[in-house]
Amino acid sequence: MAGVPWGRSPLQAAQELFVAATVVLAHDGSADPRLIYANRAALLLWRRPWSAMVGLPSRLTAEPAERQSRALVLELARQQRALSGYAGTRVDSGGRRFRLENARLWTLRDDSGQPCGQAAAFASWWWLEPPHSGSPHPLAKRPNPVGGTEPGASVPPLQA
């Protein structure tokens, strides 16, 4: 399988990606792209369970004022197939803003090589404001409708 290091199964590679410290997100190629993947680091940063993150229009990861510049960069990354060094401001599920830097954006392709979405990864980010009063800790265990707690609920917090 392409992209899976020799000796690793696709399942092992998927598990390693999910628990990686680097934030990884992907959206589909629809007119209003929706998230199709978020690893644990992304779920913690945006303070959303898998069920609320996957399927979310990806534009909602940014504040309204940032969405046009975000869309322009995504289009540029699509045209170039990949882009490095992107920086921008995003907002978590509670409205708390954070800055990301040195993100890599790339085009996802289907089995026939046609574009089918985009992905992003970044490891450098920081909060732009203190937590809102009354905001739950991002790692507070919350019920998951399918049982247990949300993915990543018992892991240590990411360091800003």
Protein backbone atom coordinates (compact mmCIF):
# COMPACT_ATOMS: atom_id res chain seq x y z
CA MET A 1 0.00 0.00 0.00
CA ALA A 2 1.36 3.43 -0.96
CA GLY A 3 2.56 5.54 1.95
CA VAL A 4 2.82 2.67 4.44
CA PRO A 5 6.42 1.95 5.46
CA TRP A 6 7.70 -1.53 4.68
CA GLY A 7 6.89 -4.05 7.38
CA ARG A 8 3.88 -2.13 8.72
CA SER A 9 0.31 -3.06 8.11
CA PRO A 10 -2.16 -0.38 7.00
CA LEU A 11 -3.89 -0.84 10.38
CA GLN A 12 -0.67 -0.18 12.30
CA ALA A 13 0.08 2.88 10.14
CA ALA A 14 -3.47 4.20 10.76
CA GLN A 15 -3.09 3.69 14.52
CA GLU A 16 0.25 5.51 14.53
CA LEU A 17 -1.22 8.43 12.58
CA PHE A 18 -4.17 8.68 14.96
CA VAL A 19 -1.96 8.95 18.07
CA ALA A 20 0.72 11.19 16.51
CA ALA A 21 1.47 14.49 18.25
CA THR A 22 1.27 16.32 14.91
CA VAL A 23 -2.24 17.61 14.13
CA VAL A 24 -3.63 15.93 11.00
CA LEU A 25 -6.96 16.76 9.31
CA ALA A 26 -8.48 15.92 5.95
CA HIS A 27 -11.58 17.01 4.07
CA ASP A 28 -13.37 15.67 1.02
CA GLY A 29 -13.51 17.33 -2.39
CA SER A 30 -17.12 18.55 -2.30
CA ALA A 31 -18.18 22.14 -3.02
CA ASP A 32 -18.39 22.81 0.75
CA PRO A 33 -15.74 20.33 1.93
CA ARG A 34 -16.49 18.30 5.04
CA LEU A 35 -13.90 16.80 7.33
CA ILE A 36 -13.33 13.11 6.70
CA TYR A 37 -10.48 12.60 9.17
CA ALA A 38 -9.07 14.14 12.34
CA ASN A 39 -6.44 12.48 14.47
CA ARG A 40 -6.41 12.61 18.27
CA ALA A 41 -4.26 15.77 18.34
CA ALA A 42 -6.83 17.55 16.12
CA LEU A 43 -9.77 16.34 18.23
CA LEU A 44 -8.10 17.65 21.37
CA LEU A 45 -7.10 20.97 19.83
CA TRP A 46 -10.58 21.70 18.43
CA ARG A 47 -12.21 20.19 21.55
CA ARG A 48 -14.60 18.02 19.58
CA PRO A 49 -15.35 14.30 19.70
CA TRP A 50 -14.92 12.31 16.50
CA SER A 51 -18.68 12.32 15.90
CA ALA A 52 -18.77 16.15 15.91
CA MET A 53 -15.53 16.72 14.00
CA VAL A 54 -15.88 14.25 11.12
CA GLY A 55 -18.64 15.53 8.84
CA LEU A 56 -18.18 19.15 9.96
CA PRO A 57 -17.78 21.63 7.08
CA SER A 58 -14.03 22.27 7.25
CA ARG A 59 -14.53 26.04 6.82
CA LEU A 60 -15.98 26.05 10.36
CA THR A 61 -12.54 25.28 11.80
CA ALA A 62 -11.75 28.94 11.09
CA GLU A 63 -13.45 32.14 12.19
CA PRO A 64 -15.63 33.89 9.58
CA ALA A 65 -12.98 36.62 9.09
CA GLU A 66 -10.34 33.98 8.25
CA ARG A 67 -12.40 31.84 5.86
CA GLN A 68 -11.70 33.72 2.63
CA SER A 69 -7.91 33.69 3.10
CA ARG A 70 -8.13 30.01 4.12
CA ALA A 71 -10.07 29.20 0.95
CA LEU A 72 -7.49 31.01 -1.20
CA VAL A 73 -4.62 29.06 0.35
CA LEU A 74 -6.49 25.77 -0.09
CA GLU A 75 -7.02 26.60 -3.76
CA LEU A 76 -3.33 27.41 -4.18
CA ALA A 77 -2.41 24.10 -2.49
CA ARG A 78 -4.81 22.30 -4.84
CA GLN A 79 -3.23 23.91 -7.89
CA GLN A 80 0.29 23.12 -6.69
CA ARG A 81 -0.67 19.69 -5.27
CA ALA A 82 1.04 20.65 -1.98
CA LEU A 83 2.11 23.69 -0.03
CA SER A 84 4.40 24.14 2.98
CA GLY A 85 4.82 26.91 5.51
CA TYR A 86 1.17 27.96 5.85
CA ALA A 87 0.19 30.00 8.92
CA GLY A 88 -3.30 30.99 10.02
CA THR A 89 -5.70 31.52 12.89
CA ARG A 90 -8.32 28.93 13.80
CA VAL A 91 -11.00 28.60 16.43
CA ASP A 92 -11.89 25.65 18.66
CA SER A 93 -15.43 24.44 19.39
CA GLY A 94 -15.78 26.92 22.25
CA GLY A 95 -14.65 29.94 20.22
CA ARG A 96 -11.09 30.05 21.58
CA ARG A 97 -8.64 31.24 18.94
CA PHE A 98 -5.24 29.73 18.21
CA ARG A 99 -2.48 30.39 15.73
CA LEU A 100 -0.89 27.62 13.68
CA GLU A 101 2.38 27.87 11.80
CA ASN A 102 4.40 25.90 9.31
CA ALA A 103 1.47 23.75 8.19
CA ARG A 104 1.74 21.50 5.19
CA LEU A 105 -1.30 21.20 2.90
CA TRP A 106 -1.63 18.58 0.19
CA THR A 107 -4.10 17.17 -2.28
CA LEU A 108 -5.63 13.74 -1.68
CA ARG A 109 -6.06 11.56 -4.75
CA ASP A 110 -8.30 8.59 -5.42
CA ASP A 111 -7.15 5.28 -6.94
CA SER A 112 -7.29 6.75 -10.45
CA GLY A 113 -5.15 9.76 -9.45
CA GLN A 114 -7.99 12.27 -9.46
CA PRO A 115 -8.17 14.92 -6.69
CA CYS A 116 -10.69 13.88 -4.03
CA GLY A 117 -9.90 16.18 -1.10
CA GLN A 118 -7.14 17.86 0.86
CA ALA A 119 -5.22 17.24 4.06
CA ALA A 120 -3.23 19.39 6.44
CA ALA A 121 -0.67 18.68 9.13
CA PHE A 122 1.04 20.97 11.63
CA ALA A 123 2.90 20.65 14.90
CA SER A 124 3.39 24.32 15.78
CA TRP A 125 0.48 26.20 17.33
CA TRP A 126 -0.38 28.36 20.37
CA TRP A 127 -3.43 29.90 22.01
CA LEU A 128 -4.13 33.57 21.27
CA GLU A 129 -6.30 34.09 24.33
CA PRO A 130 -6.94 32.48 27.72
CA PRO A 131 -9.70 29.87 28.06
CA HIS A 132 -13.23 31.22 28.22
CA SER A 133 -14.68 31.06 31.72
CA GLY A 134 -16.79 27.99 32.23
CA SER A 135 -15.10 26.12 29.36
CA PRO A 136 -14.60 22.47 30.19
CA HIS A 137 -11.05 21.19 30.20
CA PRO A 138 -10.41 19.80 26.70
CA LEU A 139 -9.63 16.40 28.22
CA ALA A 140 -12.68 16.19 30.46
CA LYS A 141 -14.34 12.86 29.80
CA ARG A 142 -17.64 13.32 28.05
CA PRO A 143 -20.11 10.58 27.19
CA ASN A 144 -19.91 9.20 23.68
CA PRO A 145 -23.26 8.22 22.16
CA VAL A 146 -21.79 4.90 21.03
CA GLY A 147 -20.43 4.10 24.48
CA GLY A 148 -17.30 4.93 26.42
CA THR A 149 -15.75 8.35 26.14
CA GLU A 150 -14.67 10.36 23.15
CA PRO A 151 -11.40 9.40 21.44
CA GLY A 152 -8.38 10.80 23.23
CA ALA A 153 -10.29 11.74 26.38
CA SER A 154 -7.77 10.14 28.69
CA VAL A 155 -4.54 11.21 27.01
CA PRO A 156 -2.26 13.98 28.26
CA PRO A 157 -2.88 17.48 26.86
CA LEU A 158 -0.95 18.83 23.89
CA GLN A 159 1.65 21.40 24.83
CA ALA A 160 0.99 24.84 23.38
